[in-house]
Amino acid sequence: MTLLQFPVTGEQVSNEETEEVIREAEPHRGLVRYRPDGGELFIHTRVNMALMRAAASLPILRLKITPRGNEVMPRDGLLTPKGSQRNYAFLEKLCEDLVAANCPACYIAEQHGEGRRDFYFTSEDIAGFEQIAGRVAEALAFPLAVERHSLAALAPLILPTEAIGDLGLEVAADARIRPTRFEFRGAEPSLAKLRAALEKRGYRFLGMEIVSHELRMAKDVRIDGEGFRAVLKEIVPLARSLRCSYCGTETVEGLDQFLLTRPLPERYGGTRPGLFGRLFGRG
């Protein structure tokens, strides 16, 4: 079974007595998606490309657990702290039981919004997974519905956008353009210049955090591999020219590759190092 080579979750594993790290945590990413009505969905996804390649040919199971009425905040449809605690108790128990049963299944992502927190898994034993999930839900008094999807169908929602192209997933034609959020960091004057430059290119201003020196912009862009790469090749060098850095939220490798102290990767418009640069590690 392919999935048994991966841990059920990508969390760090430590020795409780010595606190020695046995397995480092896998990268995770916090993403924002927009509903047709303009509301936000908050996605927390596991960034393990080897696992995603395996999941591309397997079903993705969406677990929809219904919270109690007093566990949802009426203002924004998000769970209360108590509701979140019950949800995570379900997730923790489910993962423990999957490990105990040696069930070939892995956590992929979760989605918070619309009055629920949904969990996404992939499995090579659908019947076994559903039985275990059903028992856990019943024990915790959670009404549970399980939906089956493909990774290609869910990719625009639960994956960092760049991963769609890197995995070669075929996104449905009606989902290839969607509102996408971009975050940048830099000094306040530099971010103001970047905002003006991006607005001229059709980006919408979402907000600026003065304390964290972060600018948030959004635009409807193509999210297939070729289209999104073209977007990044435009905005990443633009940000760098103004002494700002893209936060890398929608990329596979994330923020570190865009730090101003590092050469810009070639795939985002950086230049290929010459012979002297390759020999001495400079681009």
C-alpha atoms as a PDB file:
ATOM      1  CA  MET A   1       0.000   0.000   0.000  1.00  0.00           C
ATOM      2  CA  THR A   2       1.539   3.273  -1.169  1.00  0.00           C
ATOM      3  CA  LEU A   3       0.106   5.500   1.569  1.00  0.00           C
ATOM      4  CA  LEU A   4       1.587   3.456   4.411  1.00  0.00           C
ATOM      5  CA  GLN A   5       4.976   5.026   3.650  1.00  0.00           C
ATOM      6  CA  PHE A   6       3.591   8.408   4.748  1.00  0.00           C
ATOM      7  CA  PRO A   7       2.599   9.423   8.296  1.00  0.00           C
ATOM      8  CA  VAL A   8      -1.149   9.930   8.699  1.00  0.00           C
ATOM      9  CA  THR A   9      -0.503  13.584   9.566  1.00  0.00           C
ATOM     10  CA  GLY A  10       2.516  15.736   8.839  1.00  0.00           C
ATOM     11  CA  GLU A  11       2.930  16.861  12.439  1.00  0.00           C
ATOM     12  CA  GLN A  12       6.203  16.855  14.332  1.00  0.00           C
ATOM     13  CA  VAL A  13       6.886  13.767  16.413  1.00  0.00           C
ATOM     14  CA  SER A  14       8.979  14.125  19.578  1.00  0.00           C
ATOM     15  CA  ASN A  15      10.061  11.947  22.469  1.00  0.00           C
ATOM     16  CA  GLU A  16       7.829  13.064  25.336  1.00  0.00           C
ATOM     17  CA  GLU A  17      10.497  12.361  27.958  1.00  0.00           C
ATOM     18  CA  THR A  18      13.591  13.809  26.273  1.00  0.00           C
ATOM     19  CA  GLU A  19      11.803  16.235  23.911  1.00  0.00           C
ATOM     20  CA  GLU A  20      14.090  14.954  21.159  1.00  0.00           C
ATOM     21  CA  VAL A  21      12.564  15.526  17.704  1.00  0.00           C
ATOM     22  CA  ILE A  22      12.035  12.164  16.031  1.00  0.00           C
ATOM     23  CA  ARG A  23      10.407  13.506  12.867  1.00  0.00           C
ATOM     24  CA  GLU A  24      10.292  17.124  11.769  1.00  0.00           C
ATOM     25  CA  ALA A  25       6.940  18.669  10.918  1.00  0.00           C
ATOM     26  CA  GLU A  26       6.076  18.826   7.238  1.00  0.00           C
ATOM     27  CA  PRO A  27       5.370  22.258   5.740  1.00  0.00           C
ATOM     28  CA  HIS A  28       1.767  23.403   6.076  1.00  0.00           C
ATOM     29  CA  ARG A  29       0.159  26.394   4.434  1.00  0.00           C
ATOM     30  CA  GLY A  30      -2.698  28.705   5.408  1.00  0.00           C
ATOM     31  CA  LEU A  31      -4.722  29.707   2.324  1.00  0.00           C
ATOM     32  CA  VAL A  32      -7.723  31.954   1.769  1.00  0.00           C
ATOM     33  CA  ARG A  33     -10.402  31.115  -0.805  1.00  0.00           C
ATOM     34  CA  TYR A  34     -13.398  33.209  -1.810  1.00  0.00           C
ATOM     35  CA  ARG A  35     -16.972  32.024  -2.144  1.00  0.00           C
ATOM     36  CA  PRO A  36     -19.202  33.349  -4.951  1.00  0.00           C
ATOM     37  CA  ASP A  37     -20.894  35.643  -2.408  1.00  0.00           C
ATOM     38  CA  GLY A  38     -17.531  37.171  -1.465  1.00  0.00           C
ATOM     39  CA  GLY A  39     -17.238  35.312   1.830  1.00  0.00           C
ATOM     40  CA  GLU A  40     -13.951  33.735   2.840  1.00  0.00           C
ATOM     41  CA  LEU A  41     -12.998  30.107   3.369  1.00  0.00           C
ATOM     42  CA  PHE A  42      -9.859  29.363   5.349  1.00  0.00           C
ATOM     43  CA  ILE A  43      -7.799  26.393   4.177  1.00  0.00           C
ATOM     44  CA  HIS A  44      -5.004  24.703   6.114  1.00  0.00           C
ATOM     45  CA  THR A  45      -3.191  22.303   3.815  1.00  0.00           C
ATOM     46  CA  ARG A  46      -0.301  19.877   4.096  1.00  0.00           C
ATOM     47  CA  VAL A  47       2.482  20.541   1.565  1.00  0.00           C
ATOM     48  CA  ASN A  48       4.020  17.143   0.833  1.00  0.00           C
ATOM     49  CA  MET A  49       4.409  16.800  -2.910  1.00  0.00           C
ATOM     50  CA  ALA A  50       5.268  13.092  -2.805  1.00  0.00           C
ATOM     51  CA  LEU A  51       2.018  12.453  -0.932  1.00  0.00           C
ATOM     52  CA  MET A  52       0.073  14.667  -3.347  1.00  0.00           C
ATOM     53  CA  ARG A  53       1.459  12.728  -6.328  1.00  0.00           C
ATOM     54  CA  ALA A  54       0.198   9.529  -4.736  1.00  0.00           C
ATOM     55  CA  ALA A  55      -3.153  11.140  -3.926  1.00  0.00           C
ATOM     56  CA  ALA A  56      -3.614  12.312  -7.535  1.00  0.00           C
ATOM     57  CA  SER A  57      -4.735   8.808  -8.533  1.00  0.00           C
ATOM     58  CA  LEU A  58      -6.735   8.115  -5.366  1.00  0.00           C
ATOM     59  CA  PRO A  59     -10.095   9.367  -4.051  1.00  0.00           C
ATOM     60  CA  ILE A  60     -10.078  12.412  -1.798  1.00  0.00           C
ATOM     61  CA  LEU A  61     -12.575  12.039   1.033  1.00  0.00           C
ATOM     62  CA  ARG A  62     -14.223  15.165   2.375  1.00  0.00           C
ATOM     63  CA  LEU A  63     -15.488  14.661   5.932  1.00  0.00           C
ATOM     64  CA  LYS A  64     -18.316  17.051   6.765  1.00  0.00           C
ATOM     65  CA  ILE A  65     -19.091  16.950  10.490  1.00  0.00           C
ATOM     66  CA  THR A  66     -22.036  19.004  11.704  1.00  0.00           C
ATOM     67  CA  PRO A  67     -21.383  21.080  14.846  1.00  0.00           C
ATOM     68  CA  ARG A  68     -23.949  21.962  17.467  1.00  0.00           C
ATOM     69  CA  GLY A  69     -25.882  25.175  16.996  1.00  0.00           C
ATOM     70  CA  ASN A  70     -24.123  26.965  19.844  1.00  0.00           C
ATOM     71  CA  GLU A  71     -20.702  26.121  18.354  1.00  0.00           C
ATOM     72  CA  VAL A  72     -21.077  28.453  15.360  1.00  0.00           C
ATOM     73  CA  MET A  73     -20.693  32.225  15.494  1.00  0.00           C
ATOM     74  CA  PRO A  74     -23.670  33.812  13.703  1.00  0.00           C
ATOM     75  CA  ARG A  75     -21.687  36.838  12.539  1.00  0.00           C
ATOM     76  CA  ASP A  76     -19.272  35.022  10.217  1.00  0.00           C
ATOM     77  CA  GLY A  77     -20.216  31.339  10.288  1.00  0.00           C
ATOM     78  CA  LEU A  78     -16.921  30.307  11.898  1.00  0.00           C
ATOM     79  CA  LEU A  79     -16.720  27.857  14.762  1.00  0.00           C
ATOM     80  CA  THR A  80     -16.448  29.065  18.333  1.00  0.00           C
ATOM     81  CA  PRO A  81     -13.342  28.025  20.307  1.00  0.00           C
ATOM     82  CA  LYS A  82     -15.393  25.255  21.899  1.00  0.00           C
ATOM     83  CA  GLY A  83     -16.605  24.093  18.508  1.00  0.00           C
ATOM     84  CA  SER A  84     -13.051  24.022  17.183  1.00  0.00           C
ATOM     85  CA  GLN A  85     -11.912  22.010  20.196  1.00  0.00           C
ATOM     86  CA  ARG A  86     -14.565  19.370  19.519  1.00  0.00           C
ATOM     87  CA  ASN A  87     -13.634  19.277  15.839  1.00  0.00           C
ATOM     88  CA  TYR A  88      -9.970  18.745  16.612  1.00  0.00           C
ATOM     89  CA  ALA A  89     -10.838  16.081  19.162  1.00  0.00           C
ATOM     90  CA  PHE A  90     -12.556  14.252  16.294  1.00  0.00           C
ATOM     91  CA  LEU A  91      -9.530  14.700  14.019  1.00  0.00           C
ATOM     92  CA  GLU A  92      -7.058  13.560  16.667  1.00  0.00           C
ATOM     93  CA  LYS A  93      -9.082  10.460  17.566  1.00  0.00           C
ATOM     94  CA  LEU A  94      -9.623   9.614  13.891  1.00  0.00           C
ATOM     95  CA  CYS A  95      -5.898   9.795  13.149  1.00  0.00           C
ATOM     96  CA  GLU A  96      -5.076   7.698  16.230  1.00  0.00           C
ATOM     97  CA  ASP A  97      -7.537   5.003  15.162  1.00  0.00           C
ATOM     98  CA  LEU A  98      -6.248   5.016  11.580  1.00  0.00           C
ATOM     99  CA  VAL A  99      -2.723   4.406  12.866  1.00  0.00           C
ATOM    100  CA  ALA A 100      -3.897   1.664  15.254  1.00  0.00           C
ATOM    101  CA  ALA A 101      -5.751  -0.086  12.418  1.00  0.00           C
ATOM    102  CA  ASN A 102      -2.809   0.347  10.007  1.00  0.00           C
ATOM    103  CA  CYS A 103      -5.305   1.858   7.586  1.00  0.00           C
ATOM    104  CA  PRO A 104      -3.633   3.326   4.467  1.00  0.00           C
ATOM    105  CA  ALA A 105      -4.994   6.852   4.796  1.00  0.00           C
ATOM    106  CA  CYS A 106      -3.502  10.330   5.150  1.00  0.00           C
ATOM    107  CA  TYR A 107      -4.738  13.737   6.207  1.00  0.00           C
ATOM    108  CA  ILE A 108      -4.523  16.240   3.341  1.00  0.00           C
ATOM    109  CA  ALA A 109      -6.202  19.496   4.380  1.00  0.00           C
ATOM    110  CA  GLU A 110      -9.020  21.170   6.259  1.00  0.00           C
ATOM    111  CA  GLN A 111     -11.484  23.919   5.452  1.00  0.00           C
ATOM    112  CA  HIS A 112     -13.044  26.343   7.943  1.00  0.00           C
ATOM    113  CA  GLY A 113     -16.097  28.380   7.032  1.00  0.00           C
ATOM    114  CA  GLU A 114     -19.787  28.082   6.154  1.00  0.00           C
ATOM    115  CA  GLY A 115     -20.587  26.884   9.670  1.00  0.00           C
ATOM    116  CA  ARG A 116     -18.273  23.847   9.674  1.00  0.00           C
ATOM    117  CA  ARG A 117     -14.718  22.636   9.601  1.00  0.00           C
ATOM    118  CA  ASP A 118     -14.326  19.958   6.933  1.00  0.00           C
ATOM    119  CA  PHE A 119     -11.390  17.549   6.848  1.00  0.00           C
ATOM    120  CA  TYR A 120      -9.890  16.067   3.680  1.00  0.00           C
ATOM    121  CA  PHE A 121      -8.184  12.666   3.598  1.00  0.00           C
ATOM    122  CA  THR A 122      -7.006  10.250   0.940  1.00  0.00           C
ATOM    123  CA  SER A 123      -7.155   6.478   1.400  1.00  0.00           C
ATOM    124  CA  GLU A 124      -6.477   3.212  -0.383  1.00  0.00           C
ATOM    125  CA  ASP A 125      -9.096   1.453   1.760  1.00  0.00           C
ATOM    126  CA  ILE A 126     -12.257   3.505   1.418  1.00  0.00           C
ATOM    127  CA  ALA A 127     -14.552   1.058   3.197  1.00  0.00           C
ATOM    128  CA  GLY A 128     -12.162   0.658   6.126  1.00  0.00           C
ATOM    129  CA  PHE A 129     -11.619   4.395   6.401  1.00  0.00           C
ATOM    130  CA  GLU A 130     -15.341   5.154   6.371  1.00  0.00           C
ATOM    131  CA  GLN A 131     -15.995   2.551   9.069  1.00  0.00           C
ATOM    132  CA  ILE A 132     -13.340   4.034  11.348  1.00  0.00           C
ATOM    133  CA  ALA A 133     -14.505   7.612  10.709  1.00  0.00           C
ATOM    134  CA  GLY A 134     -18.110   6.586  11.364  1.00  0.00           C
ATOM    135  CA  ARG A 135     -17.254   5.021  14.726  1.00  0.00           C
ATOM    136  CA  VAL A 136     -15.296   8.093  15.826  1.00  0.00           C
ATOM    137  CA  ALA A 137     -18.095  10.438  14.771  1.00  0.00           C
ATOM    138  CA  GLU A 138     -20.695   8.355  16.587  1.00  0.00           C
ATOM    139  CA  ALA A 139     -18.594   8.246  19.773  1.00  0.00           C
ATOM    140  CA  LEU A 140     -18.296  12.042  19.748  1.00  0.00           C
ATOM    141  CA  ALA A 141     -21.947  12.616  18.742  1.00  0.00           C
ATOM    142  CA  PHE A 142     -21.048  14.202  15.407  1.00  0.00           C
ATOM    143  CA  PRO A 143     -23.387  13.799  12.414  1.00  0.00           C
ATOM    144  CA  LEU A 144     -20.993  12.831   9.614  1.00  0.00           C
ATOM    145  CA  ALA A 145     -21.215  12.923   5.816  1.00  0.00           C
ATOM    146  CA  VAL A 146     -18.404  11.654   3.589  1.00  0.00           C
ATOM    147  CA  GLU A 147     -18.014  12.851  -0.002  1.00  0.00           C
ATOM    148  CA  ARG A 148     -15.667  11.377  -2.599  1.00  0.00           C
ATOM    149  CA  HIS A 149     -13.803  13.640  -5.000  1.00  0.00           C
ATOM    150  CA  SER A 150     -10.652  13.643  -7.118  1.00  0.00           C
ATOM    151  CA  LEU A 151      -7.614  15.718  -6.261  1.00  0.00           C
ATOM    152  CA  ALA A 152      -7.898  17.505  -9.623  1.00  0.00           C
ATOM    153  CA  ALA A 153     -11.450  18.604  -8.782  1.00  0.00           C
ATOM    154  CA  LEU A 154     -10.471  19.876  -5.322  1.00  0.00           C
ATOM    155  CA  ALA A 155      -7.057  21.314  -6.208  1.00  0.00           C
ATOM    156  CA  PRO A 156      -8.279  24.910  -6.786  1.00  0.00           C
ATOM    157  CA  LEU A 157      -9.697  24.853  -3.266  1.00  0.00           C
ATOM    158  CA  ILE A 158      -7.223  22.945  -1.100  1.00  0.00           C
ATOM    159  CA  LEU A 159      -3.803  23.112  -2.779  1.00  0.00           C
ATOM    160  CA  PRO A 160      -1.306  25.969  -3.080  1.00  0.00           C
ATOM    161  CA  THR A 161      -1.944  27.169  -6.623  1.00  0.00           C
ATOM    162  CA  GLU A 162       1.562  26.438  -7.894  1.00  0.00           C
ATOM    163  CA  ALA A 163       1.138  22.775  -6.921  1.00  0.00           C
ATOM    164  CA  ILE A 164      -1.569  22.377  -9.569  1.00  0.00           C
ATOM    165  CA  GLY A 165       0.976  22.918 -12.325  1.00  0.00           C
ATOM    166  CA  ASP A 166       3.777  21.021 -10.611  1.00  0.00           C
ATOM    167  CA  LEU A 167       1.501  17.981 -10.247  1.00  0.00           C
ATOM    168  CA  GLY A 168       0.189  18.287 -13.815  1.00  0.00           C
ATOM    169  CA  LEU A 169      -3.427  18.335 -12.643  1.00  0.00           C
ATOM    170  CA  GLU A 170      -6.124  19.176 -15.196  1.00  0.00           C
ATOM    171  CA  VAL A 171      -8.323  21.884 -13.727  1.00  0.00           C
ATOM    172  CA  ALA A 172     -11.871  22.146 -15.069  1.00  0.00           C
ATOM    173  CA  ALA A 173     -12.271  24.906 -17.646  1.00  0.00           C
ATOM    174  CA  ASP A 174     -14.768  26.833 -15.500  1.00  0.00           C
ATOM    175  CA  ALA A 175     -12.355  26.841 -12.531  1.00  0.00           C
ATOM    176  CA  ARG A 176      -9.170  27.972 -14.275  1.00  0.00           C
ATOM    177  CA  ILE A 177      -9.697  31.618 -13.401  1.00  0.00           C
ATOM    178  CA  ARG A 178     -10.466  32.525  -9.793  1.00  0.00           C
ATOM    179  CA  PRO A 179      -9.880  35.361  -7.329  1.00  0.00           C
ATOM    180  CA  THR A 180      -6.497  34.785  -5.716  1.00  0.00           C
ATOM    181  CA  ARG A 181      -4.907  36.555  -2.775  1.00  0.00           C
ATOM    182  CA  PHE A 182      -1.275  37.699  -2.777  1.00  0.00           C
ATOM    183  CA  GLU A 183       0.707  38.890   0.247  1.00  0.00           C
ATOM    184  CA  PHE A 184       3.916  40.921   0.212  1.00  0.00           C
ATOM    185  CA  ARG A 185       6.341  42.111   2.885  1.00  0.00           C
ATOM    186  CA  GLY A 186       8.512  45.208   2.996  1.00  0.00           C
ATOM    187  CA  ALA A 187       8.909  48.681   4.451  1.00  0.00           C
ATOM    188  CA  GLU A 188       5.730  50.767   4.476  1.00  0.00           C
ATOM    189  CA  PRO A 189       6.888  53.249   1.770  1.00  0.00           C
ATOM    190  CA  SER A 190       7.951  50.360  -0.488  1.00  0.00           C
ATOM    191  CA  LEU A 191       4.639  48.568   0.016  1.00  0.00           C
ATOM    192  CA  ALA A 192       2.762  51.760  -0.872  1.00  0.00           C
ATOM    193  CA  LYS A 193       4.677  51.949  -4.162  1.00  0.00           C
ATOM    194  CA  LEU A 194       4.015  48.271  -4.815  1.00  0.00           C
ATOM    195  CA  ARG A 195       0.313  48.737  -4.134  1.00  0.00           C
ATOM    196  CA  ALA A 196       0.126  51.543  -6.704  1.00  0.00           C
ATOM    197  CA  ALA A 197       2.007  49.478  -9.285  1.00  0.00           C
ATOM    198  CA  LEU A 198      -0.232  46.454  -8.756  1.00  0.00           C
ATOM    199  CA  GLU A 199      -3.431  48.494  -8.877  1.00  0.00           C
ATOM    200  CA  LYS A 200      -2.363  49.722 -12.320  1.00  0.00           C
ATOM    201  CA  ARG A 201      -2.214  46.043 -13.305  1.00  0.00           C
ATOM    202  CA  GLY A 202      -5.745  45.345 -12.105  1.00  0.00           C
ATOM    203  CA  TYR A 203      -5.050  44.066  -8.598  1.00  0.00           C
ATOM    204  CA  ARG A 204      -7.468  44.989  -5.794  1.00  0.00           C
ATOM    205  CA  PHE A 205      -6.267  46.315  -2.451  1.00  0.00           C
ATOM    206  CA  LEU A 206      -7.382  44.143   0.476  1.00  0.00           C
ATOM    207  CA  GLY A 207      -5.456  45.658   3.329  1.00  0.00           C
ATOM    208  CA  MET A 208      -2.091  46.485   4.866  1.00  0.00           C
ATOM    209  CA  GLU A 209      -0.781  45.363   8.253  1.00  0.00           C
ATOM    210  CA  ILE A 210       1.530  48.077   9.558  1.00  0.00           C
ATOM    211  CA  VAL A 211       2.905  45.982  12.433  1.00  0.00           C
ATOM    212  CA  SER A 212       3.833  42.982  10.271  1.00  0.00           C
ATOM    213  CA  HIS A 213       4.707  45.155   7.234  1.00  0.00           C
ATOM    214  CA  GLU A 214       2.436  43.086   5.020  1.00  0.00           C
ATOM    215  CA  LEU A 215       0.381  44.143   2.004  1.00  0.00           C
ATOM    216  CA  ARG A 216      -2.556  42.049   0.765  1.00  0.00           C
ATOM    217  CA  MET A 217      -3.826  42.298  -2.819  1.00  0.00           C
ATOM    218  CA  ALA A 218      -6.153  40.153  -4.928  1.00  0.00           C
ATOM    219  CA  LYS A 219      -6.899  39.557  -8.599  1.00  0.00           C
ATOM    220  CA  ASP A 220      -8.773  37.044 -10.744  1.00  0.00           C
ATOM    221  CA  VAL A 221      -5.947  35.050 -12.335  1.00  0.00           C
ATOM    222  CA  ARG A 222      -5.406  31.804 -14.206  1.00  0.00           C
ATOM    223  CA  ILE A 223      -4.499  29.013 -11.831  1.00  0.00           C
ATOM    224  CA  ASP A 224      -3.390  26.329 -14.279  1.00  0.00           C
ATOM    225  CA  GLY A 225       0.350  25.692 -14.293  1.00  0.00           C
ATOM    226  CA  GLU A 226       1.345  27.869 -17.245  1.00  0.00           C
ATOM    227  CA  GLY A 227      -1.015  30.716 -16.360  1.00  0.00           C
ATOM    228  CA  PHE A 228      -0.030  30.982 -12.705  1.00  0.00           C
ATOM    229  CA  ARG A 229       3.668  30.804 -13.519  1.00  0.00           C
ATOM    230  CA  ALA A 230       3.156  33.802 -15.820  1.00  0.00           C
ATOM    231  CA  VAL A 231       1.476  35.708 -12.965  1.00  0.00           C
ATOM    232  CA  LEU A 232       4.388  35.035 -10.615  1.00  0.00           C
ATOM    233  CA  LYS A 233       6.958  35.988 -13.253  1.00  0.00           C
ATOM    234  CA  GLU A 234       5.297  39.402 -13.402  1.00  0.00           C
ATOM    235  CA  ILE A 235       4.651  40.223  -9.755  1.00  0.00           C
ATOM    236  CA  VAL A 236       7.659  38.620  -8.023  1.00  0.00           C
ATOM    237  CA  PRO A 237      10.348  40.630  -9.903  1.00  0.00           C
ATOM    238  CA  LEU A 238       8.142  43.728  -9.620  1.00  0.00           C
ATOM    239  CA  ALA A 239       7.994  43.361  -5.836  1.00  0.00           C
ATOM    240  CA  ARG A 240      11.736  42.763  -5.630  1.00  0.00           C
ATOM    241  CA  SER A 241      12.473  45.856  -7.728  1.00  0.00           C
ATOM    242  CA  LEU A 242      10.672  47.871  -5.026  1.00  0.00           C
ATOM    243  CA  ARG A 243      12.506  46.103  -2.160  1.00  0.00           C
ATOM    244  CA  CYS A 244       9.493  43.984  -1.246  1.00  0.00           C
ATOM    245  CA  SER A 245       9.149  40.204  -1.213  1.00  0.00           C
ATOM    246  CA  TYR A 246       6.239  37.983  -2.157  1.00  0.00           C
ATOM    247  CA  CYS A 247       5.264  35.809   0.802  1.00  0.00           C
ATOM    248  CA  GLY A 248       5.044  32.704  -1.383  1.00  0.00           C
ATOM    249  CA  THR A 249       1.707  31.613   0.088  1.00  0.00           C
ATOM    250  CA  GLU A 250       0.506  29.992  -3.135  1.00  0.00           C
ATOM    251  CA  THR A 251       3.865  28.385  -4.007  1.00  0.00           C
ATOM    252  CA  VAL A 252       5.193  24.964  -3.097  1.00  0.00           C
ATOM    253  CA  GLU A 253       8.418  26.127  -1.422  1.00  0.00           C
ATOM    254  CA  GLY A 254       6.922  29.128   0.362  1.00  0.00           C
ATOM    255  CA  LEU A 255       8.444  32.337   1.706  1.00  0.00           C
ATOM    256  CA  ASP A 256      12.146  31.572   2.137  1.00  0.00           C
ATOM    257  CA  GLN A 257      12.886  31.394  -1.590  1.00  0.00           C
ATOM    258  CA  PHE A 258      11.753  35.036  -2.000  1.00  0.00           C
ATOM    259  CA  LEU A 259      13.859  36.611   0.748  1.00  0.00           C
ATOM    260  CA  LEU A 260      15.669  39.680  -0.530  1.00  0.00           C
ATOM    261  CA  THR A 261      18.950  38.246   0.739  1.00  0.00           C
ATOM    262  CA  ARG A 262      18.675  35.369  -1.732  1.00  0.00           C
ATOM    263  CA  PRO A 263      18.975  35.297  -5.528  1.00  0.00           C
ATOM    264  CA  LEU A 264      15.537  35.171  -7.149  1.00  0.00           C
ATOM    265  CA  PRO A 265      14.843  31.639  -8.457  1.00  0.00           C
ATOM    266  CA  GLU A 266      14.987  31.367 -12.221  1.00  0.00           C
ATOM    267  CA  ARG A 267      11.449  29.979 -12.439  1.00  0.00           C
ATOM    268  CA  TYR A 268      10.116  33.330 -11.169  1.00  0.00           C
ATOM    269  CA  GLY A 269      12.133  35.526 -13.486  1.00  0.00           C
ATOM    270  CA  GLY A 270      15.557  35.319 -11.869  1.00  0.00           C
ATOM    271  CA  THR A 271      18.600  34.967 -14.080  1.00  0.00           C
ATOM    272  CA  ARG A 272      20.525  31.752 -14.531  1.00  0.00           C
ATOM    273  CA  PRO A 273      23.935  31.993 -12.796  1.00  0.00           C
ATOM    274  CA  GLY A 274      26.915  32.206 -15.078  1.00  0.00           C
ATOM    275  CA  LEU A 275      29.873  29.836 -14.796  1.00  0.00           C
ATOM    276  CA  PHE A 276      31.609  32.023 -12.193  1.00  0.00           C
ATOM    277  CA  GLY A 277      28.408  32.280 -10.180  1.00  0.00           C
ATOM    278  CA  ARG A 278      27.807  28.510 -10.273  1.00  0.00           C
ATOM    279  CA  LEU A 279      31.353  27.798  -9.131  1.00  0.00           C
ATOM    280  CA  PHE A 280      31.141  30.214  -6.217  1.00  0.00           C
ATOM    281  CA  GLY A 281      27.461  29.878  -5.345  1.00  0.00           C
ATOM    282  CA  ARG A 282      26.320  33.279  -6.557  1.00  0.00           C
ATOM    283  CA  GLY A 283      23.542  34.121  -8.998  1.00  0.00           C
END
